[in-house]
Amino acid sequence: MKYWIYGDPEKDAQVLDVKTPQAELTNLYPYCDYEMRVCAYNSIGEGYNTDMIACQTLEDGNHC
């Protein structure tokens, strides 16, 4: 999973390696727009990235 602040280039994304069906993003800015993509991988290699997913944090900066 990679995520970045809306408007920033995707190449500057934070990358999170997750081995579960859900992930918790931390240290997000409050009331900020983010974009993200998810890509599955296994021993053969990476799959395709998902379409861009947009979200906005709450005023306290938690949950996206």
N, C-alpha and C. Protein backbone atom coordinates (compact mmCIF):
# COMPACT_ATOMS: atom_id res chain seq x y z
N MET A 1 0.86 -1.16 0.00
CA MET A 1 0.00 0.00 0.00
C MET A 1 0.90 1.22 0.00
N LYS A 2 0.55 2.21 -0.81
CA LYS A 2 1.26 3.48 -0.74
C LYS A 2 0.25 4.60 -0.66
N TYR A 3 0.62 5.64 0.06
CA TYR A 3 -0.29 6.78 0.26
C TYR A 3 0.50 8.07 0.29
N TRP A 4 -0.16 9.14 -0.11
CA TRP A 4 0.48 10.45 -0.17
C TRP A 4 -0.58 11.53 -0.06
N ILE A 5 -0.13 12.74 0.27
CA ILE A 5 -1.04 13.88 0.38
C ILE A 5 -1.51 14.27 -1.01
N TYR A 6 -2.79 14.52 -1.13
CA TYR A 6 -3.38 14.93 -2.40
C TYR A 6 -2.62 16.12 -2.98
N GLY A 7 -2.26 16.02 -4.24
CA GLY A 7 -1.53 17.09 -4.91
C GLY A 7 -0.03 16.85 -4.94
N ASP A 8 0.49 16.04 -4.02
CA ASP A 8 1.91 15.69 -4.06
C ASP A 8 2.12 14.62 -5.14
N PRO A 9 3.33 14.52 -5.67
CA PRO A 9 3.57 13.47 -6.67
C PRO A 9 3.54 12.07 -6.05
N GLU A 10 3.02 11.13 -6.79
CA GLU A 10 2.91 9.76 -6.29
C GLU A 10 4.29 9.18 -5.96
N LYS A 11 5.33 9.65 -6.63
CA LYS A 11 6.67 9.14 -6.37
C LYS A 11 7.14 9.46 -4.95
N ASP A 12 6.49 10.42 -4.28
CA ASP A 12 6.84 10.78 -2.91
C ASP A 12 6.01 10.03 -1.87
N ALA A 13 5.29 9.01 -2.31
CA ALA A 13 4.37 8.29 -1.43
C ALA A 13 5.10 7.55 -0.31
N GLN A 14 4.41 7.41 0.82
CA GLN A 14 4.84 6.54 1.89
C GLN A 14 4.43 5.13 1.51
N VAL A 15 5.27 4.14 1.75
CA VAL A 15 4.96 2.76 1.39
C VAL A 15 4.80 1.96 2.67
N LEU A 16 3.73 1.19 2.73
CA LEU A 16 3.42 0.38 3.90
C LEU A 16 3.26 -1.07 3.45
N ASP A 17 4.09 -1.96 3.97
CA ASP A 17 4.02 -3.38 3.65
C ASP A 17 3.05 -4.04 4.63
N VAL A 18 1.94 -4.53 4.11
CA VAL A 18 0.88 -5.08 4.95
C VAL A 18 0.61 -6.53 4.55
N LYS A 19 0.49 -7.39 5.54
CA LYS A 19 0.21 -8.80 5.26
C LYS A 19 -1.16 -9.22 5.78
N THR A 20 -2.04 -8.24 5.99
CA THR A 20 -3.40 -8.50 6.46
C THR A 20 -4.38 -7.78 5.53
N PRO A 21 -5.67 -8.13 5.61
CA PRO A 21 -6.66 -7.48 4.74
C PRO A 21 -6.95 -6.02 5.11
N GLN A 22 -6.40 -5.53 6.21
CA GLN A 22 -6.64 -4.14 6.60
C GLN A 22 -5.32 -3.52 7.08
N ALA A 23 -5.27 -2.21 7.06
CA ALA A 23 -4.06 -1.50 7.49
C ALA A 23 -4.46 -0.26 8.27
N GLU A 24 -3.61 0.12 9.20
CA GLU A 24 -3.83 1.35 9.95
C GLU A 24 -2.72 2.33 9.60
N LEU A 25 -3.13 3.48 9.09
CA LEU A 25 -2.17 4.53 8.75
C LEU A 25 -2.02 5.45 9.95
N THR A 26 -0.79 5.79 10.29
CA THR A 26 -0.55 6.63 11.46
C THR A 26 0.18 7.90 11.04
N ASN A 27 0.24 8.84 11.94
CA ASN A 27 0.94 10.12 11.72
C ASN A 27 0.42 10.88 10.51
N LEU A 28 -0.90 10.84 10.32
CA LEU A 28 -1.51 11.60 9.24
C LEU A 28 -1.83 13.01 9.71
N TYR A 29 -1.86 13.94 8.78
CA TYR A 29 -2.23 15.32 9.11
C TYR A 29 -3.74 15.42 9.30
N PRO A 30 -4.19 16.22 10.28
CA PRO A 30 -5.63 16.37 10.49
C PRO A 30 -6.30 17.08 9.32
N TYR A 31 -7.53 16.66 9.05
CA TYR A 31 -8.39 17.26 8.03
C TYR A 31 -7.62 17.51 6.73
N CYS A 32 -7.00 16.44 6.23
CA CYS A 32 -6.14 16.52 5.05
C CYS A 32 -6.59 15.47 4.03
N ASP A 33 -6.51 15.84 2.76
CA ASP A 33 -6.87 14.90 1.68
C ASP A 33 -5.66 14.03 1.34
N TYR A 34 -5.90 12.75 1.22
CA TYR A 34 -4.86 11.79 0.86
C TYR A 34 -5.32 10.98 -0.34
N GLU A 35 -4.35 10.43 -1.05
CA GLU A 35 -4.62 9.48 -2.13
C GLU A 35 -3.82 8.22 -1.83
N MET A 36 -4.31 7.09 -2.30
CA MET A 36 -3.60 5.83 -2.06
C MET A 36 -3.87 4.84 -3.17
N ARG A 37 -2.99 3.87 -3.25
CA ARG A 37 -3.14 2.73 -4.15
C ARG A 37 -2.69 1.49 -3.39
N VAL A 38 -3.25 0.36 -3.78
CA VAL A 38 -2.90 -0.91 -3.17
C VAL A 38 -2.43 -1.85 -4.27
N CYS A 39 -1.43 -2.64 -3.97
CA CYS A 39 -0.89 -3.59 -4.93
C CYS A 39 -0.58 -4.89 -4.18
N ALA A 40 -1.16 -5.98 -4.62
CA ALA A 40 -0.87 -7.28 -4.02
C ALA A 40 0.43 -7.84 -4.60
N TYR A 41 1.10 -8.68 -3.81
CA TYR A 41 2.32 -9.31 -4.31
C TYR A 41 2.48 -10.69 -3.66
N ASN A 42 3.26 -11.52 -4.31
CA ASN A 42 3.60 -12.84 -3.76
C ASN A 42 4.99 -13.21 -4.24
N SER A 43 5.37 -14.47 -4.12
CA SER A 43 6.73 -14.89 -4.49
C SER A 43 7.01 -14.73 -5.98
N ILE A 44 5.98 -14.65 -6.80
CA ILE A 44 6.17 -14.48 -8.24
C ILE A 44 6.43 -13.02 -8.59
N GLY A 45 5.89 -12.09 -7.80
CA GLY A 45 6.09 -10.67 -8.06
C GLY A 45 4.87 -9.85 -7.71
N GLU A 46 4.86 -8.60 -8.18
CA GLU A 46 3.76 -7.67 -7.88
C GLU A 46 2.63 -7.81 -8.89
N GLY A 47 1.41 -7.57 -8.40
CA GLY A 47 0.25 -7.49 -9.27
C GLY A 47 0.06 -6.06 -9.73
N TYR A 48 -1.11 -5.77 -10.22
CA TYR A 48 -1.42 -4.42 -10.70
C TYR A 48 -1.84 -3.53 -9.53
N ASN A 49 -1.57 -2.24 -9.65
CA ASN A 49 -2.05 -1.26 -8.67
C ASN A 49 -3.55 -1.07 -8.83
N THR A 50 -4.23 -0.80 -7.73
CA THR A 50 -5.64 -0.44 -7.80
C THR A 50 -5.77 0.94 -8.41
N ASP A 51 -6.99 1.31 -8.77
CA ASP A 51 -7.26 2.69 -9.14
C ASP A 51 -6.96 3.55 -7.92
N MET A 52 -6.78 4.84 -8.13
CA MET A 52 -6.52 5.77 -7.05
C MET A 52 -7.72 5.80 -6.10
N ILE A 53 -7.43 5.79 -4.82
CA ILE A 53 -8.46 5.87 -3.79
C ILE A 53 -8.23 7.19 -3.05
N ALA A 54 -9.26 8.02 -2.97
CA ALA A 54 -9.15 9.31 -2.28
C ALA A 54 -9.86 9.23 -0.93
N CYS A 55 -9.30 9.89 0.07
CA CYS A 55 -9.95 9.97 1.38
C CYS A 55 -9.49 11.23 2.09
N GLN A 56 -10.14 11.52 3.20
CA GLN A 56 -9.81 12.70 3.99
C GLN A 56 -9.79 12.30 5.45
N THR A 57 -8.77 12.75 6.17
CA THR A 57 -8.70 12.46 7.60
C THR A 57 -9.71 13.31 8.36
N LEU A 58 -10.01 12.85 9.55
CA LEU A 58 -10.89 13.61 10.43
C LEU A 58 -10.12 14.79 11.02
N GLU A 59 -10.80 15.64 11.74
CA GLU A 59 -10.17 16.84 12.29
C GLU A 59 -9.04 16.52 13.27
N ASP A 60 -9.09 15.34 13.89
CA ASP A 60 -8.02 14.99 14.84
C ASP A 60 -6.88 14.24 14.15
N GLY A 61 -6.96 14.05 12.83
CA GLY A 61 -5.87 13.44 12.08
C GLY A 61 -5.92 11.92 12.07
N ASN A 62 -6.92 11.33 12.67
CA ASN A 62 -7.01 9.88 12.70
C ASN A 62 -7.95 9.36 11.63
N HIS A 63 -7.70 8.19 11.20
CA HIS A 63 -8.53 7.44 10.25
C HIS A 63 -8.56 8.06 8.86
N CYS A 64 -8.33 7.22 7.92
CA CYS A 64 -8.40 7.65 6.53
C CYS A 64 -9.17 6.59 5.77
